[in-house]
C-alpha atoms as a PDB file:
ATOM      1  CA  UNK A   1      -0.560   8.718  59.974  1.00  0.00           C
ATOM      2  CA  UNK A   2      -0.736   9.074  56.130  1.00  0.00           C
ATOM      3  CA  UNK A   3      -3.436  11.496  54.826  1.00  0.00           C
ATOM      4  CA  UNK A   4      -5.018   8.992  52.340  1.00  0.00           C
ATOM      5  CA  UNK A   5      -5.265   6.774  55.550  1.00  0.00           C
ATOM      6  CA  UNK A   6      -6.758   9.529  58.004  1.00  0.00           C
ATOM      7  CA  UNK A   7      -9.360  10.211  55.422  1.00  0.00           C
ATOM      8  CA  UNK A   8     -10.456   6.664  54.552  1.00  0.00           C
ATOM      9  CA  UNK A   9     -10.511   6.110  58.661  1.00  0.00           C
ATOM     10  CA  UNK A  10     -12.940   8.900  58.766  1.00  0.00           C
ATOM     11  CA  UNK A  11     -14.904   7.451  55.546  1.00  0.00           C
ATOM     12  CA  UNK A  12     -15.324   4.352  57.653  1.00  0.00           C
ATOM     13  CA  UNK A  13     -16.173   5.948  61.334  1.00  0.00           C
ATOM     14  CA  UNK A  14     -18.734   8.247  59.349  1.00  0.00           C
ATOM     15  CA  UNK A  15     -20.250   6.083  56.596  1.00  0.00           C
ATOM     16  CA  UNK A  16     -23.585   8.770  56.743  1.00  0.00           C
ATOM     17  CA  UNK A  17     -21.121  11.612  55.878  1.00  0.00           C
ATOM     18  CA  UNK A  18     -19.535   9.629  52.830  1.00  0.00           C
ATOM     19  CA  UNK A  19     -23.095   8.548  51.513  1.00  0.00           C
ATOM     20  CA  UNK A  20     -23.947  12.451  51.986  1.00  0.00           C
ATOM     21  CA  UNK A  21     -20.751  13.638  49.953  1.00  0.00           C
ATOM     22  CA  UNK A  22     -21.442  11.231  47.272  1.00  0.00           C
ATOM     23  CA  UNK A  23     -24.430  12.449  46.699  1.00  0.00           C
ATOM     24  CA  UNK A  24     -24.014  16.113  46.691  1.00  0.00           C
ATOM     25  CA  UNK A  25     -21.137  14.983  43.950  1.00  0.00           C
ATOM     26  CA  UNK A  26     -23.409  13.369  42.046  1.00  0.00           C
ATOM     27  CA  UNK A  27     -26.390  16.287  42.046  1.00  0.00           C
ATOM     28  CA  UNK A  28     -23.489  18.549  40.532  1.00  0.00           C
ATOM     29  CA  UNK A  29     -22.202  16.481  38.239  1.00  0.00           C
ATOM     30  CA  UNK A  30     -26.208  16.228  36.859  1.00  0.00           C
ATOM     31  CA  UNK A  31     -26.566  19.462  37.136  1.00  0.00           C
ATOM     32  CA  UNK A  32     -23.398  20.493  35.286  1.00  0.00           C
ATOM     33  CA  UNK A  33     -24.557  17.812  32.487  1.00  0.00           C
ATOM     34  CA  UNK A  34     -27.523  19.580  31.794  1.00  0.00           C
ATOM     35  CA  UNK A  35     -26.116  23.580  32.113  1.00  0.00           C
ATOM     36  CA  UNK A  36     -23.344  21.923  29.472  1.00  0.00           C
ATOM     37  CA  UNK A  37     -23.574  24.109  26.323  1.00  0.00           C
ATOM     38  CA  UNK A  38     -23.478  21.820  23.504  1.00  0.00           C
ATOM     39  CA  UNK A  39     -23.398  23.327  19.796  1.00  0.00           C
ATOM     40  CA  UNK A  40     -23.707  21.600  16.423  1.00  0.00           C
ATOM     41  CA  UNK A  41     -21.626  24.760  15.531  1.00  0.00           C
ATOM     42  CA  UNK A  42     -18.848  25.314  18.022  1.00  0.00           C
ATOM     43  CA  UNK A  43     -17.420  28.725  18.516  1.00  0.00           C
ATOM     44  CA  UNK A  44     -13.789  29.307  20.143  1.00  0.00           C
ATOM     45  CA  UNK A  45     -11.146  31.759  19.901  1.00  0.00           C
ATOM     46  CA  UNK A  46      -7.226  30.831  18.947  1.00  0.00           C
ATOM     47  CA  UNK A  47      -6.399  34.190  20.878  1.00  0.00           C
ATOM     48  CA  UNK A  48      -4.451  35.472  17.250  1.00  0.00           C
ATOM     49  CA  UNK A  49      -5.684  38.599  15.668  1.00  0.00           C
ATOM     50  CA  UNK A  50      -5.208  38.950  11.593  1.00  0.00           C
ATOM     51  CA  UNK A  51      -4.597  41.601   9.652  1.00  0.00           C
ATOM     52  CA  UNK A  52      -5.124  40.959   6.105  1.00  0.00           C
ATOM     53  CA  UNK A  53      -4.138  43.507   3.385  1.00  0.00           C
ATOM     54  CA  UNK A  54      -4.495  42.426  -0.544  1.00  0.00           C
ATOM     55  CA  UNK A  55      -2.350  44.061  -3.095  1.00  0.00           C
ATOM     56  CA  UNK A  56      -3.519  42.805  -6.458  1.00  0.00           C
ATOM     57  CA  UNK A  57      -0.799  42.090  -8.975  1.00  0.00           C
ATOM     58  CA  UNK A  58       1.733  42.248  -6.526  1.00  0.00           C
ATOM     59  CA  UNK A  59       4.653  39.314  -5.474  1.00  0.00           C
ATOM     60  CA  UNK A  60       5.227  37.814  -2.742  1.00  0.00           C
ATOM     61  CA  UNK A  61       8.188  39.758  -2.242  1.00  0.00           C
ATOM     62  CA  UNK A  62       6.759  42.783  -2.603  1.00  0.00           C
ATOM     63  CA  UNK A  63       3.747  41.949  -0.634  1.00  0.00           C
ATOM     64  CA  UNK A  64       6.775  41.684   2.260  1.00  0.00           C
ATOM     65  CA  UNK A  65       8.489  44.629   1.796  1.00  0.00           C
ATOM     66  CA  UNK A  66       5.456  47.059   0.744  1.00  0.00           C
ATOM     67  CA  UNK A  67       2.623  45.480   3.515  1.00  0.00           C
ATOM     68  CA  UNK A  68       3.822  43.074   6.161  1.00  0.00           C
ATOM     69  CA  UNK A  69       6.819  44.731   7.125  1.00  0.00           C
ATOM     70  CA  UNK A  70       5.045  48.421   8.243  1.00  0.00           C
ATOM     71  CA  UNK A  71       2.474  46.773   9.370  1.00  0.00           C
ATOM     72  CA  UNK A  72       4.627  44.672  12.111  1.00  0.00           C
ATOM     73  CA  UNK A  73       6.889  47.990  12.697  1.00  0.00           C
ATOM     74  CA  UNK A  74       3.658  49.351  13.732  1.00  0.00           C
ATOM     75  CA  UNK A  75       2.409  47.252  16.308  1.00  0.00           C
ATOM     76  CA  UNK A  76       5.982  46.495  18.138  1.00  0.00           C
ATOM     77  CA  UNK A  77       5.354  47.495  21.578  1.00  0.00           C
ATOM     78  CA  UNK A  78       1.894  46.923  21.634  1.00  0.00           C
ATOM     79  CA  UNK A  79       1.192  45.549  25.056  1.00  0.00           C
ATOM     80  CA  UNK A  80      -1.058  42.365  25.774  1.00  0.00           C
ATOM     81  CA  UNK A  81       0.890  40.787  22.469  1.00  0.00           C
ATOM     82  CA  UNK A  82       2.888  37.802  22.513  1.00  0.00           C
ATOM     83  CA  UNK A  83       4.217  37.236  19.071  1.00  0.00           C
ATOM     84  CA  UNK A  84       4.210  38.938  15.769  1.00  0.00           C
ATOM     85  CA  UNK A  85       4.277  37.086  12.527  1.00  0.00           C
ATOM     86  CA  UNK A  86       3.513  37.496   9.171  1.00  0.00           C
ATOM     87  CA  UNK A  87       2.628  35.669   5.805  1.00  0.00           C
ATOM     88  CA  UNK A  88       3.624  36.961   2.201  1.00  0.00           C
ATOM     89  CA  UNK A  89       1.658  35.635  -0.616  1.00  0.00           C
ATOM     90  CA  UNK A  90       1.119  36.579  -4.160  1.00  0.00           C
ATOM     91  CA  UNK A  91      -1.635  39.482  -4.068  1.00  0.00           C
ATOM     92  CA  UNK A  92      -1.989  39.132  -0.612  1.00  0.00           C
ATOM     93  CA  UNK A  93      -0.435  39.222   2.648  1.00  0.00           C
ATOM     94  CA  UNK A  94      -1.094  38.194   6.605  1.00  0.00           C
ATOM     95  CA  UNK A  95       0.347  39.548   9.626  1.00  0.00           C
ATOM     96  CA  UNK A  96      -0.322  37.603  12.733  1.00  0.00           C
ATOM     97  CA  UNK A  97      -0.457  39.060  16.421  1.00  0.00           C
ATOM     98  CA  UNK A  98      -0.743  36.599  19.364  1.00  0.00           C
ATOM     99  CA  UNK A  99      -2.153  37.485  22.166  1.00  0.00           C
ATOM    100  CA  UNK A 100      -0.883  36.830  25.739  1.00  0.00           C
ATOM    101  CA  UNK A 101      -2.863  34.690  27.568  1.00  0.00           C
ATOM    102  CA  UNK A 102      -3.967  37.615  30.552  1.00  0.00           C
ATOM    103  CA  UNK A 103      -5.454  39.481  27.455  1.00  0.00           C
ATOM    104  CA  UNK A 104      -9.079  39.105  28.621  1.00  0.00           C
ATOM    105  CA  UNK A 105     -10.929  41.536  26.476  1.00  0.00           C
ATOM    106  CA  UNK A 106      -9.172  41.229  22.925  1.00  0.00           C
ATOM    107  CA  UNK A 107     -11.872  43.267  21.426  1.00  0.00           C
ATOM    108  CA  UNK A 108      -9.383  46.249  22.610  1.00  0.00           C
ATOM    109  CA  UNK A 109      -6.422  45.102  21.387  1.00  0.00           C
ATOM    110  CA  UNK A 110      -8.261  44.869  17.905  1.00  0.00           C
ATOM    111  CA  UNK A 111      -9.307  48.941  18.310  1.00  0.00           C
ATOM    112  CA  UNK A 112      -5.661  49.594  19.282  1.00  0.00           C
ATOM    113  CA  UNK A 113      -4.674  47.853  15.919  1.00  0.00           C
ATOM    114  CA  UNK A 114      -6.811  49.485  13.358  1.00  0.00           C
ATOM    115  CA  UNK A 115      -5.526  52.464  15.165  1.00  0.00           C
ATOM    116  CA  UNK A 116      -2.136  51.748  14.616  1.00  0.00           C
ATOM    117  CA  UNK A 117      -2.287  50.430  11.250  1.00  0.00           C
ATOM    118  CA  UNK A 118      -4.794  53.448  10.437  1.00  0.00           C
ATOM    119  CA  UNK A 119      -1.569  55.239  11.261  1.00  0.00           C
ATOM    120  CA  UNK A 120       0.684  53.998   8.279  1.00  0.00           C
ATOM    121  CA  UNK A 121       0.239  56.266   5.459  1.00  0.00           C
ATOM    122  CA  UNK A 122       3.077  54.705   2.703  1.00  0.00           C
ATOM    123  CA  UNK A 123       0.625  52.072   1.436  1.00  0.00           C
ATOM    124  CA  UNK A 124       1.002  51.549  -2.299  1.00  0.00           C
ATOM    125  CA  UNK A 125      -1.720  52.791  -4.086  1.00  0.00           C
ATOM    126  CA  UNK A 126      -3.665  49.391  -5.329  1.00  0.00           C
ATOM    127  CA  UNK A 127      -3.350  47.962  -2.044  1.00  0.00           C
ATOM    128  CA  UNK A 128      -6.893  47.678  -0.438  1.00  0.00           C
ATOM    129  CA  UNK A 129      -7.544  48.614   2.714  1.00  0.00           C
ATOM    130  CA  UNK A 130      -6.730  46.145   5.726  1.00  0.00           C
ATOM    131  CA  UNK A 131      -8.881  44.109   6.964  1.00  0.00           C
ATOM    132  CA  UNK A 132      -8.305  43.345  10.934  1.00  0.00           C
ATOM    133  CA  UNK A 133     -10.323  40.723  12.522  1.00  0.00           C
ATOM    134  CA  UNK A 134      -9.817  37.890  15.802  1.00  0.00           C
ATOM    135  CA  UNK A 135      -9.250  34.628  14.389  1.00  0.00           C
ATOM    136  CA  UNK A 136     -12.647  32.626  15.545  1.00  0.00           C
ATOM    137  CA  UNK A 137     -13.433  29.265  14.414  1.00  0.00           C
ATOM    138  CA  UNK A 138     -17.059  28.447  14.034  1.00  0.00           C
ATOM    139  CA  UNK A 139     -18.230  24.980  12.469  1.00  0.00           C
ATOM    140  CA  UNK A 140     -18.473  21.912  12.689  1.00  0.00           C
ATOM    141  CA  UNK A 141     -15.017  19.710  13.147  1.00  0.00           C
ATOM    142  CA  UNK A 142     -14.604  18.344  10.205  1.00  0.00           C
ATOM    143  CA  UNK A 143     -16.705  17.563   6.629  1.00  0.00           C
ATOM    144  CA  UNK A 144     -16.718  14.466   5.027  1.00  0.00           C
ATOM    145  CA  UNK A 145     -18.151  14.217   1.321  1.00  0.00           C
ATOM    146  CA  UNK A 146     -18.603  10.326   0.119  1.00  0.00           C
ATOM    147  CA  UNK A 147     -20.484  10.287  -3.460  1.00  0.00           C
ATOM    148  CA  UNK A 148     -21.231   7.063  -6.053  1.00  0.00           C
ATOM    149  CA  UNK A 149     -23.679   5.883  -7.881  1.00  0.00           C
ATOM    150  CA  UNK A 150     -25.639   4.189  -4.858  1.00  0.00           C
ATOM    151  CA  UNK A 151     -29.146   5.028  -3.384  1.00  0.00           C
ATOM    152  CA  UNK A 152     -28.526   8.166  -0.664  1.00  0.00           C
ATOM    153  CA  UNK A 153     -29.450   5.332   2.436  1.00  0.00           C
ATOM    154  CA  UNK A 154     -26.680   3.241   1.465  1.00  0.00           C
ATOM    155  CA  UNK A 155     -23.800   6.184   0.964  1.00  0.00           C
ATOM    156  CA  UNK A 156     -25.533   7.587   4.746  1.00  0.00           C
ATOM    157  CA  UNK A 157     -24.467   3.791   6.015  1.00  0.00           C
ATOM    158  CA  UNK A 158     -21.144   4.180   4.281  1.00  0.00           C
ATOM    159  CA  UNK A 159     -20.267   7.359   5.817  1.00  0.00           C
ATOM    160  CA  UNK A 160     -21.211   6.074   9.328  1.00  0.00           C
ATOM    161  CA  UNK A 161     -18.498   3.591   9.250  1.00  0.00           C
ATOM    162  CA  UNK A 162     -15.892   6.010   8.131  1.00  0.00           C
ATOM    163  CA  UNK A 163     -14.334   8.073  10.598  1.00  0.00           C
ATOM    164  CA  UNK A 164     -11.382  10.094  11.078  1.00  0.00           C
ATOM    165  CA  UNK A 165      -8.314   8.235  12.702  1.00  0.00           C
ATOM    166  CA  UNK A 166      -5.524  10.825  11.587  1.00  0.00           C
ATOM    167  CA  UNK A 167      -4.200  14.121  12.730  1.00  0.00           C
ATOM    168  CA  UNK A 168      -1.705  16.342  11.191  1.00  0.00           C
ATOM    169  CA  UNK A 169      -0.268  19.322  12.741  1.00  0.00           C
ATOM    170  CA  UNK A 170       2.011  22.157  11.511  1.00  0.00           C
ATOM    171  CA  UNK A 171       4.204  23.813  13.503  1.00  0.00           C
ATOM    172  CA  UNK A 172       6.898  26.309  12.578  1.00  0.00           C
ATOM    173  CA  UNK A 173       9.155  29.134  13.957  1.00  0.00           C
ATOM    174  CA  UNK A 174       9.924  32.636  11.976  1.00  0.00           C
ATOM    175  CA  UNK A 175      12.415  34.897  13.034  1.00  0.00           C
ATOM    176  CA  UNK A 176      15.096  37.838  12.174  1.00  0.00           C
ATOM    177  CA  UNK A 177      18.058  38.871  12.456  1.00  0.00           C
ATOM    178  CA  UNK A 178      20.552  41.022  10.444  1.00  0.00           C
ATOM    179  CA  UNK A 179      23.061  37.773  10.370  1.00  0.00           C
ATOM    180  CA  UNK A 180      21.967  35.361   8.160  1.00  0.00           C
ATOM    181  CA  UNK A 181      24.076  32.783   9.615  1.00  0.00           C
ATOM    182  CA  UNK A 182      23.329  33.910  13.329  1.00  0.00           C
ATOM    183  CA  UNK A 183      19.325  33.812  12.014  1.00  0.00           C
ATOM    184  CA  UNK A 184      19.786  29.867  10.578  1.00  0.00           C
ATOM    185  CA  UNK A 185      21.275  29.040  13.870  1.00  0.00           C
ATOM    186  CA  UNK A 186      18.823  30.463  16.428  1.00  0.00           C
ATOM    187  CA  UNK A 187      15.895  28.590  13.727  1.00  0.00           C
ATOM    188  CA  UNK A 188      17.921  25.164  13.968  1.00  0.00           C
ATOM    189  CA  UNK A 189      18.015  25.561  17.860  1.00  0.00           C
ATOM    190  CA  UNK A 190      14.364  26.320  18.097  1.00  0.00           C
ATOM    191  CA  UNK A 191      13.668  23.194  15.367  1.00  0.00           C
ATOM    192  CA  UNK A 192      15.802  21.128  17.066  1.00  0.00           C
ATOM    193  CA  UNK A 193      14.456  21.728  20.356  1.00  0.00           C
ATOM    194  CA  UNK A 194      10.721  20.780  19.375  1.00  0.00           C
ATOM    195  CA  UNK A 195      12.405  17.685  17.628  1.00  0.00           C
ATOM    196  CA  UNK A 196      13.818  16.771  20.741  1.00  0.00           C
ATOM    197  CA  UNK A 197      10.296  16.860  22.691  1.00  0.00           C
ATOM    198  CA  UNK A 198       8.308  14.880  19.658  1.00  0.00           C
ATOM    199  CA  UNK A 199      10.743  12.567  19.370  1.00  0.00           C
ATOM    200  CA  UNK A 200       9.475  10.402  22.483  1.00  0.00           C
ATOM    201  CA  UNK A 201       5.970  10.422  21.574  1.00  0.00           C
ATOM    202  CA  UNK A 202       4.742   6.947  21.248  1.00  0.00           C
ATOM    203  CA  UNK A 203       2.365   6.720  18.155  1.00  0.00           C
ATOM    204  CA  UNK A 204       3.514  10.418  16.741  1.00  0.00           C
ATOM    205  CA  UNK A 205       5.643  10.509  13.458  1.00  0.00           C
ATOM    206  CA  UNK A 206       7.742  14.253  13.279  1.00  0.00           C
ATOM    207  CA  UNK A 207       9.642  15.381  10.476  1.00  0.00           C
ATOM    208  CA  UNK A 208      10.874  18.831   9.373  1.00  0.00           C
ATOM    209  CA  UNK A 209      10.552  20.798   6.246  1.00  0.00           C
ATOM    210  CA  UNK A 210      12.588  22.958   4.913  1.00  0.00           C
ATOM    211  CA  UNK A 211      14.429  25.872   5.957  1.00  0.00           C
ATOM    212  CA  UNK A 212      13.134  29.375   3.829  1.00  0.00           C
ATOM    213  CA  UNK A 213      15.250  32.563   4.294  1.00  0.00           C
ATOM    214  CA  UNK A 214      14.495  35.894   2.518  1.00  0.00           C
ATOM    215  CA  UNK A 215      15.803  39.624   3.054  1.00  0.00           C
ATOM    216  CA  UNK A 216      13.333  42.343   4.251  1.00  0.00           C
ATOM    217  CA  UNK A 217      14.309  45.719   2.957  1.00  0.00           C
ATOM    218  CA  UNK A 218      13.498  49.359   4.063  1.00  0.00           C
ATOM    219  CA  UNK A 219      10.451  50.544   1.900  1.00  0.00           C
ATOM    220  CA  UNK A 220      11.571  54.042   2.187  1.00  0.00           C
ATOM    221  CA  UNK A 221      14.843  53.757   1.271  1.00  0.00           C
ATOM    222  CA  UNK A 222      14.905  50.248  -0.748  1.00  0.00           C
ATOM    223  CA  UNK A 223      18.214  48.978   1.347  1.00  0.00           C
ATOM    224  CA  UNK A 224      18.302  46.012   3.405  1.00  0.00           C
ATOM    225  CA  UNK A 225      17.704  46.063   6.826  1.00  0.00           C
ATOM    226  CA  UNK A 226      17.719  42.327   8.311  1.00  0.00           C
ATOM    227  CA  UNK A 227      17.115  38.802   7.551  1.00  0.00           C
ATOM    228  CA  UNK A 228      14.388  36.720   8.057  1.00  0.00           C
ATOM    229  CA  UNK A 229      13.761  32.969   8.053  1.00  0.00           C
ATOM    230  CA  UNK A 230      11.564  30.399   8.853  1.00  0.00           C
ATOM    231  CA  UNK A 231      11.030  26.321   9.324  1.00  0.00           C
ATOM    232  CA  UNK A 232       8.177  24.074   9.912  1.00  0.00           C
ATOM    233  CA  UNK A 233       7.834  20.823  11.758  1.00  0.00           C
ATOM    234  CA  UNK A 234       5.313  18.174  10.669  1.00  0.00           C
ATOM    235  CA  UNK A 235       3.496  16.111  13.101  1.00  0.00           C
ATOM    236  CA  UNK A 236       1.268  12.600  12.000  1.00  0.00           C
ATOM    237  CA  UNK A 237      -0.519  10.393  14.811  1.00  0.00           C
ATOM    238  CA  UNK A 238      -3.450   8.812  15.365  1.00  0.00           C
ATOM    239  CA  UNK A 239      -3.831  10.029  18.919  1.00  0.00           C
ATOM    240  CA  UNK A 240      -5.622  13.628  19.018  1.00  0.00           C
ATOM    241  CA  UNK A 241      -5.625  13.701  22.805  1.00  0.00           C
ATOM    242  CA  UNK A 242      -1.349  13.012  22.693  1.00  0.00           C
ATOM    243  CA  UNK A 243      -1.159  15.292  19.526  1.00  0.00           C
ATOM    244  CA  UNK A 244      -2.944  17.990  21.478  1.00  0.00           C
ATOM    245  CA  UNK A 245      -0.820  17.718  24.316  1.00  0.00           C
ATOM    246  CA  UNK A 246       2.191  17.572  22.702  1.00  0.00           C
ATOM    247  CA  UNK A 247       1.055  20.678  20.720  1.00  0.00           C
ATOM    248  CA  UNK A 248       0.485  22.737  23.755  1.00  0.00           C
ATOM    249  CA  UNK A 249       4.517  21.657  25.140  1.00  0.00           C
ATOM    250  CA  UNK A 250       5.672  23.075  21.484  1.00  0.00           C
ATOM    251  CA  UNK A 251       3.677  25.990  21.389  1.00  0.00           C
ATOM    252  CA  UNK A 252       6.575  27.375  24.028  1.00  0.00           C
ATOM    253  CA  UNK A 253       8.783  27.871  21.312  1.00  0.00           C
ATOM    254  CA  UNK A 254       6.955  27.316  18.103  1.00  0.00           C
ATOM    255  CA  UNK A 255       4.031  28.565  16.432  1.00  0.00           C
ATOM    256  CA  UNK A 256       0.823  26.434  15.570  1.00  0.00           C
ATOM    257  CA  UNK A 257       0.538  26.808  11.576  1.00  0.00           C
ATOM    258  CA  UNK A 258      -2.648  24.457  10.618  1.00  0.00           C
ATOM    259  CA  UNK A 259      -4.320  21.269  12.600  1.00  0.00           C
ATOM    260  CA  UNK A 260      -6.281  19.058   9.653  1.00  0.00           C
ATOM    261  CA  UNK A 261      -8.057  15.716  10.757  1.00  0.00           C
ATOM    262  CA  UNK A 262      -8.619  13.162   7.931  1.00  0.00           C
ATOM    263  CA  UNK A 263      -8.305   9.576   7.278  1.00  0.00           C
ATOM    264  CA  UNK A 264      -5.291   7.119   7.173  1.00  0.00           C
ATOM    265  CA  UNK A 265      -4.172   5.101   4.266  1.00  0.00           C
ATOM    266  CA  UNK A 266      -4.311   2.493   6.703  1.00  0.00           C
ATOM    267  CA  UNK A 267      -7.762   3.211   6.809  1.00  0.00           C
ATOM    268  CA  UNK A 268      -8.707   3.868   3.033  1.00  0.00           C
ATOM    269  CA  UNK A 269      -7.723   0.362   2.728  1.00  0.00           C
ATOM    270  CA  UNK A 270      -9.629  -1.364   5.201  1.00  0.00           C
ATOM    271  CA  UNK A 271     -12.941   0.329   3.669  1.00  0.00           C
ATOM    272  CA  UNK A 272     -11.743  -0.614  -0.002  1.00  0.00           C
ATOM    273  CA  UNK A 273     -11.621  -4.271   0.851  1.00  0.00           C
ATOM    274  CA  UNK A 274     -14.742  -4.080   2.781  1.00  0.00           C
ATOM    275  CA  UNK A 275     -16.238  -2.202   0.029  1.00  0.00           C
ATOM    276  CA  UNK A 276     -15.030  -4.751  -2.629  1.00  0.00           C
ATOM    277  CA  UNK A 277     -16.238  -7.606  -0.341  1.00  0.00           C
ATOM    278  CA  UNK A 278     -19.409  -6.700  -0.341  1.00  0.00           C
ATOM    279  CA  UNK A 279     -19.420  -5.559  -4.518  1.00  0.00           C
ATOM    280  CA  UNK A 280     -18.885  -9.203  -4.378  1.00  0.00           C
ATOM    281  CA  UNK A 281     -20.823 -10.665  -2.610  1.00  0.00           C
ATOM    282  CA  UNK A 282     -23.584  -8.317  -4.832  1.00  0.00           C
ATOM    283  CA  UNK A 283     -22.859  -9.781  -7.649  1.00  0.00           C
ATOM    284  CA  UNK A 284     -22.832 -13.337  -6.713  1.00  0.00           C
ATOM    285  CA  UNK A 285     -26.221 -12.797  -5.067  1.00  0.00           C
ATOM    286  CA  UNK A 286     -27.489 -11.282  -8.372  1.00  0.00           C
ATOM    287  CA  UNK A 287     -26.289 -14.116 -10.615  1.00  0.00           C
ATOM    288  CA  UNK A 288     -27.242 -16.776  -8.281  1.00  0.00           C
ATOM    289  CA  UNK A 289     -30.553 -14.839  -8.787  1.00  0.00           C
ATOM    290  CA  UNK A 290     -30.385 -15.039 -12.366  1.00  0.00           C
ATOM    291  CA  UNK A 291     -29.833 -18.713 -12.293  1.00  0.00           C
ATOM    292  CA  UNK A 292     -32.810 -19.828 -10.260  1.00  0.00           C
ATOM    293  CA  UNK A 293     -35.591 -18.942 -13.106  1.00  0.00           C
ATOM    294  CA  UNK A 294     -33.722 -20.837 -15.471  1.00  0.00           C
ATOM    295  CA  UNK A 295     -33.244 -24.149 -13.144  1.00  0.00           C
ATOM    296  CA  UNK A 296     -37.438 -23.427 -12.651  1.00  0.00           C
ATOM    297  CA  UNK A 297     -37.884 -23.575 -16.378  1.00  0.00           C
ATOM    298  CA  UNK A 298     -35.773 -26.586 -17.495  1.00  0.00           C
ATOM    299  CA  UNK A 299     -38.027 -29.079 -18.642  1.00  0.00           C
ATOM    300  CA  UNK A 300     -38.953 -32.060 -16.082  1.00  0.00           C
ATOM    301  CA  UNK A 301     -37.111 -35.553 -17.699  1.00  0.00           C
ATOM    302  CA  UNK A 302     -40.044 -38.249 -18.889  1.00  0.00           C
ATOM    303  CA  UNK A 303     -39.324 -41.590 -17.729  1.00  0.00           C
END
């Protein structure tokens, strides 16, 4: 007999047991719902540790050479680390350390990173002290500001009608190699894999960003040591659950850069049309109200 049929047959023969099981499930669900943590400002970790260093007056190239590269070199071989990447901007550099899911206490990794970064002795004189922190998001999912020359109550009413229906995610790959051609081939394969995974998803649009590459020099000998390249994929859609599932697949080889929620252009057009209709109706009512006193003041005809 099939296992499912056996379970059904046992339930038919023992209705009291089935009812008791249903009561236990309902009671367990009720108790879990009462104990569930509900926060207006939820806090969660992204399993990333950021090492941020300000370098006033430095170009992105100088930040990469003097800040990001020494930090990455000092963190190589660190246990519990899944991936190390960096971002060099004008006056500022950030090194991202991705942790393995098996890491239960990120604070220990943070302390190890502090110790290793603290051993770097050839910082530029203009560079500030490194700031090392676990990437934790605390706050509302999204904030929307609506303004206009109307009463506050009207703005609140209108705000309740506006819902986010667009999700935009940016994922990318960053790699290094001594051969720029081999580096480009490696990045192209990862991006092509990401496009192949995302193209079969209904209701999700995906496009690739530009390919960027730059040299990485030895800060001590100022000579070319290797090349670093990166490329992004931009994913857009209206189904957050489906996009979240897709991002879970893509993060096997790509890194999540950003995740934004907003209102689509179609939704904005609908809101504009609805607002225009409301304005039209208000103007008609105003004109009708102005015409009524004039009609009442008109003289009665004398026969």
